Amino acid sequence: MSSQLDPIVLNFLYVILGGVLTLLFMKLGCSMFNKIVSFNISDELGKGNVAVGLMVMGLFIGVGTALGLVIGLGLS
């Protein structure tokens, strides 16, 4: 292996780092949103509240898309 990292190894490192960052930001976003709303997200999901599930899904998709774009555009 040369003095630079092999592109395959570097891509795996980016994937691992991006995955960890995405999970951390999703956890942070969900906990911050839980403090903003007047109900407990975990309790409502346990009761089977579909509206809260869709809200959390949208939150995760938004954070994942935003973070994916930031990481993806940072590689170019």
PDB file of N, CA and C in Angstrom:
ATOM      1  N   MET A   1       0.851  -1.176   0.000  1.00  0.00           N
ATOM      2  CA  MET A   1       0.000   0.000   0.000  1.00  0.00           C
ATOM      3  C   MET A   1       0.893   1.233   0.000  1.00  0.00           C
ATOM      4  N   SER A   2       0.493   2.229  -0.765  1.00  0.00           N
ATOM      5  CA  SER A   2       1.294   3.437  -0.888  1.00  0.00           C
ATOM      6  C   SER A   2       1.142   4.311   0.351  1.00  0.00           C
ATOM      7  N   SER A   3       1.753   5.489   0.291  1.00  0.00           N
ATOM      8  CA  SER A   3       1.696   6.385   1.441  1.00  0.00           C
ATOM      9  C   SER A   3       0.284   6.932   1.654  1.00  0.00           C
ATOM     10  N   GLN A   4      -0.533   6.951   0.597  1.00  0.00           N
ATOM     11  CA  GLN A   4      -1.917   7.380   0.742  1.00  0.00           C
ATOM     12  C   GLN A   4      -2.797   6.170   1.012  1.00  0.00           C
ATOM     13  N   LEU A   5      -3.944   6.437   1.612  1.00  0.00           N
ATOM     14  CA  LEU A   5      -4.879   5.341   1.880  1.00  0.00           C
ATOM     15  C   LEU A   5      -5.518   4.879   0.582  1.00  0.00           C
ATOM     16  N   ASP A   6      -5.741   3.603   0.497  1.00  0.00           N
ATOM     17  CA  ASP A   6      -6.423   3.020  -0.649  1.00  0.00           C
ATOM     18  C   ASP A   6      -7.843   3.599  -0.721  1.00  0.00           C
ATOM     19  N   PRO A   7      -8.329   3.970  -1.910  1.00  0.00           N
ATOM     20  CA  PRO A   7      -9.675   4.569  -2.000  1.00  0.00           C
ATOM     21  C   PRO A   7     -10.780   3.687  -1.444  1.00  0.00           C
ATOM     22  N   ILE A   8     -10.654   2.377  -1.533  1.00  0.00           N
ATOM     23  CA  ILE A   8     -11.687   1.485  -0.986  1.00  0.00           C
ATOM     24  C   ILE A   8     -11.722   1.586   0.533  1.00  0.00           C
ATOM     25  N   VAL A   9     -10.544   1.600   1.163  1.00  0.00           N
ATOM     26  CA  VAL A   9     -10.481   1.723   2.619  1.00  0.00           C
ATOM     27  C   VAL A   9     -11.010   3.084   3.042  1.00  0.00           C
ATOM     28  N   LEU A  10     -10.662   4.122   2.295  1.00  0.00           N
ATOM     29  CA  LEU A  10     -11.127   5.466   2.614  1.00  0.00           C
ATOM     30  C   LEU A  10     -12.650   5.564   2.488  1.00  0.00           C
ATOM     31  N   ASN A  11     -13.226   4.928   1.487  1.00  0.00           N
ATOM     32  CA  ASN A  11     -14.684   4.921   1.342  1.00  0.00           C
ATOM     33  C   ASN A  11     -15.352   4.208   2.504  1.00  0.00           C
ATOM     34  N   PHE A  12     -14.789   3.098   2.962  1.00  0.00           N
ATOM     35  CA  PHE A  12     -15.359   2.412   4.119  1.00  0.00           C
ATOM     36  C   PHE A  12     -15.279   3.282   5.375  1.00  0.00           C
ATOM     37  N   LEU A  13     -14.188   4.014   5.524  1.00  0.00           N
ATOM     38  CA  LEU A  13     -14.074   4.918   6.669  1.00  0.00           C
ATOM     39  C   LEU A  13     -15.126   6.021   6.595  1.00  0.00           C
ATOM     40  N   TYR A  14     -15.370   6.556   5.389  1.00  0.00           N
ATOM     41  CA  TYR A  14     -16.405   7.571   5.220  1.00  0.00           C
ATOM     42  C   TYR A  14     -17.782   7.002   5.549  1.00  0.00           C
ATOM     43  N   VAL A  15     -18.040   5.771   5.133  1.00  0.00           N
ATOM     44  CA  VAL A  15     -19.338   5.144   5.407  1.00  0.00           C
ATOM     45  C   VAL A  15     -19.534   4.950   6.906  1.00  0.00           C
ATOM     46  N   ILE A  16     -18.514   4.470   7.587  1.00  0.00           N
ATOM     47  CA  ILE A  16     -18.612   4.244   9.033  1.00  0.00           C
ATOM     48  C   ILE A  16     -18.803   5.567   9.763  1.00  0.00           C
ATOM     49  N   LEU A  17     -17.998   6.561   9.427  1.00  0.00           N
ATOM     50  CA  LEU A  17     -18.111   7.867  10.073  1.00  0.00           C
ATOM     51  C   LEU A  17     -19.460   8.507   9.767  1.00  0.00           C
ATOM     52  N   GLY A  18     -19.903   8.425   8.518  1.00  0.00           N
ATOM     53  CA  GLY A  18     -21.203   8.988   8.148  1.00  0.00           C
ATOM     54  C   GLY A  18     -22.348   8.303   8.861  1.00  0.00           C
ATOM     55  N   GLY A  19     -22.277   6.982   9.004  1.00  0.00           N
ATOM     56  CA  GLY A  19     -23.322   6.244   9.716  1.00  0.00           C
ATOM     57  C   GLY A  19     -23.397   6.622  11.185  1.00  0.00           C
ATOM     58  N   VAL A  20     -22.242   6.732  11.811  1.00  0.00           N
ATOM     59  CA  VAL A  20     -22.215   7.107  13.230  1.00  0.00           C
ATOM     60  C   VAL A  20     -22.735   8.526  13.416  1.00  0.00           C
ATOM     61  N   LEU A  21     -22.296   9.450  12.552  1.00  0.00           N
ATOM     62  CA  LEU A  21     -22.780  10.824  12.654  1.00  0.00           C
ATOM     63  C   LEU A  21     -24.289  10.911  12.420  1.00  0.00           C
ATOM     64  N   THR A  22     -24.795  10.147  11.459  1.00  0.00           N
ATOM     65  CA  THR A  22     -26.226  10.161  11.179  1.00  0.00           C
ATOM     66  C   THR A  22     -27.014   9.668  12.386  1.00  0.00           C
ATOM     67  N   LEU A  23     -26.569   8.580  12.999  1.00  0.00           N
ATOM     68  CA  LEU A  23     -27.273   8.067  14.179  1.00  0.00           C
ATOM     69  C   LEU A  23     -27.230   9.062  15.337  1.00  0.00           C
ATOM     70  N   LEU A  24     -26.083   9.698  15.539  1.00  0.00           N
ATOM     71  CA  LEU A  24     -25.980  10.673  16.628  1.00  0.00           C
ATOM     72  C   LEU A  24     -26.886  11.878  16.390  1.00  0.00           C
ATOM     73  N   PHE A  25     -26.901  12.391  15.159  1.00  0.00           N
ATOM     74  CA  PHE A  25     -27.745  13.543  14.874  1.00  0.00           C
ATOM     75  C   PHE A  25     -29.225  13.187  14.913  1.00  0.00           C
ATOM     76  N   MET A  26     -29.582  11.972  14.534  1.00  0.00           N
ATOM     77  CA  MET A  26     -30.982  11.556  14.632  1.00  0.00           C
ATOM     78  C   MET A  26     -31.410  11.442  16.093  1.00  0.00           C
ATOM     79  N   LYS A  27     -30.558  10.905  16.927  1.00  0.00           N
ATOM     80  CA  LYS A  27     -30.855  10.815  18.364  1.00  0.00           C
ATOM     81  C   LYS A  27     -30.981  12.207  18.962  1.00  0.00           C
ATOM     82  N   LEU A  28     -30.065  13.100  18.585  1.00  0.00           N
ATOM     83  CA  LEU A  28     -30.114  14.475  19.087  1.00  0.00           C
ATOM     84  C   LEU A  28     -31.380  15.189  18.607  1.00  0.00           C
ATOM     85  N   GLY A  29     -31.716  15.032  17.333  1.00  0.00           N
ATOM     86  CA  GLY A  29     -32.908  15.672  16.792  1.00  0.00           C
ATOM     87  C   GLY A  29     -34.178  15.164  17.446  1.00  0.00           C
ATOM     88  N   CYS A  30     -34.258  13.860  17.672  1.00  0.00           N
ATOM     89  CA  CYS A  30     -35.453  13.293  18.295  1.00  0.00           C
ATOM     90  C   CYS A  30     -35.574  13.739  19.752  1.00  0.00           C
ATOM     91  N   SER A  31     -34.469  13.788  20.477  1.00  0.00           N
ATOM     92  CA  SER A  31     -34.539  14.212  21.876  1.00  0.00           C
ATOM     93  C   SER A  31     -34.865  15.703  21.984  1.00  0.00           C
ATOM     94  N   MET A  32     -34.334  16.517  21.067  1.00  0.00           N
ATOM     95  CA  MET A  32     -34.677  17.941  21.081  1.00  0.00           C
ATOM     96  C   MET A  32     -36.151  18.151  20.731  1.00  0.00           C
ATOM     97  N   PHE A  33     -36.643  17.408  19.743  1.00  0.00           N
ATOM     98  CA  PHE A  33     -38.043  17.537  19.356  1.00  0.00           C
ATOM     99  C   PHE A  33     -38.958  17.038  20.463  1.00  0.00           C
ATOM    100  N   ASN A  34     -38.521  16.043  21.218  1.00  0.00           N
ATOM    101  CA  ASN A  34     -39.307  15.518  22.340  1.00  0.00           C
ATOM    102  C   ASN A  34     -39.472  16.577  23.424  1.00  0.00           C
ATOM    103  N   LYS A  35     -38.477  17.454  23.577  1.00  0.00           N
ATOM    104  CA  LYS A  35     -38.579  18.525  24.566  1.00  0.00           C
ATOM    105  C   LYS A  35     -39.496  19.649  24.082  1.00  0.00           C
ATOM    106  N   ILE A  36     -39.616  19.814  22.753  1.00  0.00           N
ATOM    107  CA  ILE A  36     -40.424  20.898  22.201  1.00  0.00           C
ATOM    108  C   ILE A  36     -41.917  20.578  22.261  1.00  0.00           C
ATOM    109  N   VAL A  37     -42.301  19.350  21.906  1.00  0.00           N
ATOM    110  CA  VAL A  37     -43.719  18.996  21.842  1.00  0.00           C
ATOM    111  C   VAL A  37     -44.272  18.740  23.240  1.00  0.00           C
ATOM    112  N   SER A  38     -45.594  18.774  23.354  1.00  0.00           N
ATOM    113  CA  SER A  38     -46.228  18.652  24.675  1.00  0.00           C
ATOM    114  C   SER A  38     -46.553  17.206  25.055  1.00  0.00           C
ATOM    115  N   PHE A  39     -46.001  16.235  24.337  1.00  0.00           N
ATOM    116  CA  PHE A  39     -46.256  14.826  24.647  1.00  0.00           C
ATOM    117  C   PHE A  39     -44.942  14.065  24.564  1.00  0.00           C
ATOM    118  N   ASN A  40     -44.929  12.857  25.129  1.00  0.00           N
ATOM    119  CA  ASN A  40     -43.742  12.018  25.094  1.00  0.00           C
ATOM    120  C   ASN A  40     -43.822  11.113  23.860  1.00  0.00           C
ATOM    121  N   ILE A  41     -42.831  11.221  23.010  1.00  0.00           N
ATOM    122  CA  ILE A  41     -42.850  10.474  21.751  1.00  0.00           C
ATOM    123  C   ILE A  41     -42.843   8.969  22.016  1.00  0.00           C
ATOM    124  N   SER A  42     -42.042   8.509  22.951  1.00  0.00           N
ATOM    125  CA  SER A  42     -41.957   7.069  23.231  1.00  0.00           C
ATOM    126  C   SER A  42     -43.283   6.512  23.718  1.00  0.00           C
ATOM    127  N   ASP A  43     -43.950   7.249  24.603  1.00  0.00           N
ATOM    128  CA  ASP A  43     -45.244   6.786  25.116  1.00  0.00           C
ATOM    129  C   ASP A  43     -46.285   6.711  24.010  1.00  0.00           C
ATOM    130  N   GLU A  44     -46.309   7.731  23.157  1.00  0.00           N
ATOM    131  CA  GLU A  44     -47.295   7.749  22.070  1.00  0.00           C
ATOM    132  C   GLU A  44     -47.024   6.654  21.047  1.00  0.00           C
ATOM    133  N   LEU A  45     -45.757   6.379  20.767  1.00  0.00           N
ATOM    134  CA  LEU A  45     -45.439   5.275  19.854  1.00  0.00           C
ATOM    135  C   LEU A  45     -45.829   3.938  20.456  1.00  0.00           C
ATOM    136  N   GLY A  46     -45.656   3.818  21.777  1.00  0.00           N
ATOM    137  CA  GLY A  46     -46.064   2.596  22.462  1.00  0.00           C
ATOM    138  C   GLY A  46     -47.567   2.365  22.407  1.00  0.00           C
ATOM    139  N   LYS A  47     -48.326   3.455  22.391  1.00  0.00           N
ATOM    140  CA  LYS A  47     -49.782   3.346  22.300  1.00  0.00           C
ATOM    141  C   LYS A  47     -50.252   3.074  20.873  1.00  0.00           C
ATOM    142  N   GLY A  48     -49.337   3.148  19.915  1.00  0.00           N
ATOM    143  CA  GLY A  48     -49.702   2.887  18.529  1.00  0.00           C
ATOM    144  C   GLY A  48     -50.190   4.109  17.775  1.00  0.00           C
ATOM    145  N   ASN A  49     -49.790   5.291  18.202  1.00  0.00           N
ATOM    146  CA  ASN A  49     -50.198   6.528  17.549  1.00  0.00           C
ATOM    147  C   ASN A  49     -49.472   6.658  16.209  1.00  0.00           C
ATOM    148  N   VAL A  50     -50.222   6.495  15.119  1.00  0.00           N
ATOM    149  CA  VAL A  50     -49.640   6.502  13.777  1.00  0.00           C
ATOM    150  C   VAL A  50     -49.135   7.890  13.411  1.00  0.00           C
ATOM    151  N   ALA A  51     -49.822   8.944  13.847  1.00  0.00           N
ATOM    152  CA  ALA A  51     -49.416  10.307  13.510  1.00  0.00           C
ATOM    153  C   ALA A  51     -48.032  10.625  14.072  1.00  0.00           C
ATOM    154  N   VAL A  52     -47.772  10.193  15.295  1.00  0.00           N
ATOM    155  CA  VAL A  52     -46.457  10.421  15.892  1.00  0.00           C
ATOM    156  C   VAL A  52     -45.404   9.598  15.155  1.00  0.00           C
ATOM    157  N   GLY A  53     -45.747   8.396  14.751  1.00  0.00           N
ATOM    158  CA  GLY A  53     -44.814   7.577  13.989  1.00  0.00           C
ATOM    159  C   GLY A  53     -44.448   8.221  12.661  1.00  0.00           C
ATOM    160  N   LEU A  54     -45.438   8.801  11.984  1.00  0.00           N
ATOM    161  CA  LEU A  54     -45.164   9.490  10.728  1.00  0.00           C
ATOM    162  C   LEU A  54     -44.326  10.741  10.948  1.00  0.00           C
ATOM    163  N   MET A  55     -44.552  11.435  12.056  1.00  0.00           N
ATOM    164  CA  MET A  55     -43.768  12.611  12.380  1.00  0.00           C
ATOM    165  C   MET A  55     -42.300  12.243  12.625  1.00  0.00           C
ATOM    166  N   VAL A  56     -42.080  11.183  13.375  1.00  0.00           N
ATOM    167  CA  VAL A  56     -40.710  10.730  13.644  1.00  0.00           C
ATOM    168  C   VAL A  56     -40.049  10.243  12.355  1.00  0.00           C
ATOM    169  N   MET A  57     -40.818   9.572  11.511  1.00  0.00           N
ATOM    170  CA  MET A  57     -40.282   9.129  10.221  1.00  0.00           C
ATOM    171  C   MET A  57     -39.824  10.330   9.390  1.00  0.00           C
ATOM    172  N   GLY A  58     -40.647  11.369   9.339  1.00  0.00           N
ATOM    173  CA  GLY A  58     -40.277  12.571   8.602  1.00  0.00           C
ATOM    174  C   GLY A  58     -39.059  13.246   9.180  1.00  0.00           C
ATOM    175  N   LEU A  59     -38.965  13.261  10.505  1.00  0.00           N
ATOM    176  CA  LEU A  59     -37.794  13.844  11.163  1.00  0.00           C
ATOM    177  C   LEU A  59     -36.533  13.081  10.799  1.00  0.00           C
ATOM    178  N   PHE A  60     -36.590  11.765  10.840  1.00  0.00           N
ATOM    179  CA  PHE A  60     -35.426  10.944  10.502  1.00  0.00           C
ATOM    180  C   PHE A  60     -35.042  11.072   9.034  1.00  0.00           C
ATOM    181  N   ILE A  61     -36.036  11.113   8.148  1.00  0.00           N
ATOM    182  CA  ILE A  61     -35.732  11.266   6.731  1.00  0.00           C
ATOM    183  C   ILE A  61     -35.096  12.626   6.472  1.00  0.00           C
ATOM    184  N   GLY A  62     -35.617  13.671   7.106  1.00  0.00           N
ATOM    185  CA  GLY A  62     -35.050  15.011   6.928  1.00  0.00           C
ATOM    186  C   GLY A  62     -33.629  15.124   7.428  1.00  0.00           C
ATOM    187  N   VAL A  63     -33.374  14.625   8.628  1.00  0.00           N
ATOM    188  CA  VAL A  63     -32.019  14.688   9.182  1.00  0.00           C
ATOM    189  C   VAL A  63     -31.069  13.826   8.357  1.00  0.00           C
ATOM    190  N   GLY A  64     -31.520  12.645   7.962  1.00  0.00           N
ATOM    191  CA  GLY A  64     -30.664  11.763   7.162  1.00  0.00           C
ATOM    192  C   GLY A  64     -30.334  12.352   5.807  1.00  0.00           C
ATOM    193  N   THR A  65     -31.320  12.969   5.165  1.00  0.00           N
ATOM    194  CA  THR A  65     -31.083  13.590   3.867  1.00  0.00           C
ATOM    195  C   THR A  65     -30.134  14.777   3.997  1.00  0.00           C
ATOM    196  N   ALA A  66     -30.364  15.611   4.978  1.00  0.00           N
ATOM    197  CA  ALA A  66     -29.507  16.790   5.170  1.00  0.00           C
ATOM    198  C   ALA A  66     -28.074  16.381   5.470  1.00  0.00           C
ATOM    199  N   LEU A  67     -27.897  15.426   6.369  1.00  0.00           N
ATOM    200  CA  LEU A  67     -26.548  15.007   6.727  1.00  0.00           C
ATOM    201  C   LEU A  67     -25.889  14.275   5.564  1.00  0.00           C
ATOM    202  N   GLY A  68     -26.661  13.503   4.822  1.00  0.00           N
ATOM    203  CA  GLY A  68     -26.111  12.810   3.650  1.00  0.00           C
ATOM    204  C   GLY A  68     -25.635  13.793   2.591  1.00  0.00           C
ATOM    205  N   LEU A  69     -26.391  14.859   2.387  1.00  0.00           N
ATOM    206  CA  LEU A  69     -25.970  15.873   1.423  1.00  0.00           C
ATOM    207  C   LEU A  69     -24.711  16.598   1.885  1.00  0.00           C
ATOM    208  N   VAL A  70     -24.637  16.892   3.170  1.00  0.00           N
ATOM    209  CA  VAL A  70     -23.440  17.576   3.687  1.00  0.00           C
ATOM    210  C   VAL A  70     -22.215  16.688   3.532  1.00  0.00           C
ATOM    211  N   ILE A  71     -22.330  15.418   3.887  1.00  0.00           N
ATOM    212  CA  ILE A  71     -21.196  14.504   3.769  1.00  0.00           C
ATOM    213  C   ILE A  71     -20.873  14.262   2.304  1.00  0.00           C
ATOM    214  N   GLY A  72     -21.896  14.047   1.470  1.00  0.00           N
ATOM    215  CA  GLY A  72     -21.665  13.765   0.059  1.00  0.00           C
ATOM    216  C   GLY A  72     -21.033  14.928  -0.674  1.00  0.00           C
ATOM    217  N   LEU A  73     -21.508  16.126  -0.418  1.00  0.00           N
ATOM    218  CA  LEU A  73     -20.946  17.298  -1.083  1.00  0.00           C
ATOM    219  C   LEU A  73     -19.568  17.654  -0.548  1.00  0.00           C
ATOM    220  N   GLY A  74     -19.279  17.240   0.681  1.00  0.00           N
ATOM    221  CA  GLY A  74     -17.960  17.510   1.250  1.00  0.00           C
ATOM    222  C   GLY A  74     -16.878  16.627   0.642  1.00  0.00           C
ATOM    223  N   LEU A  75     -17.266  15.543  -0.008  1.00  0.00           N
ATOM    224  CA  LEU A  75     -16.272  14.630  -0.598  1.00  0.00           C
ATOM    225  C   LEU A  75     -15.779  15.101  -1.952  1.00  0.00           C
ATOM    226  N   SER A  76     -16.507  16.003  -2.595  1.00  0.00           N
ATOM    227  CA  SER A  76     -16.101  16.406  -3.949  1.00  0.00           C
ATOM    228  C   SER A  76     -15.058  17.493  -3.956  1.00  0.00           C
TER     229      SER A  76
END
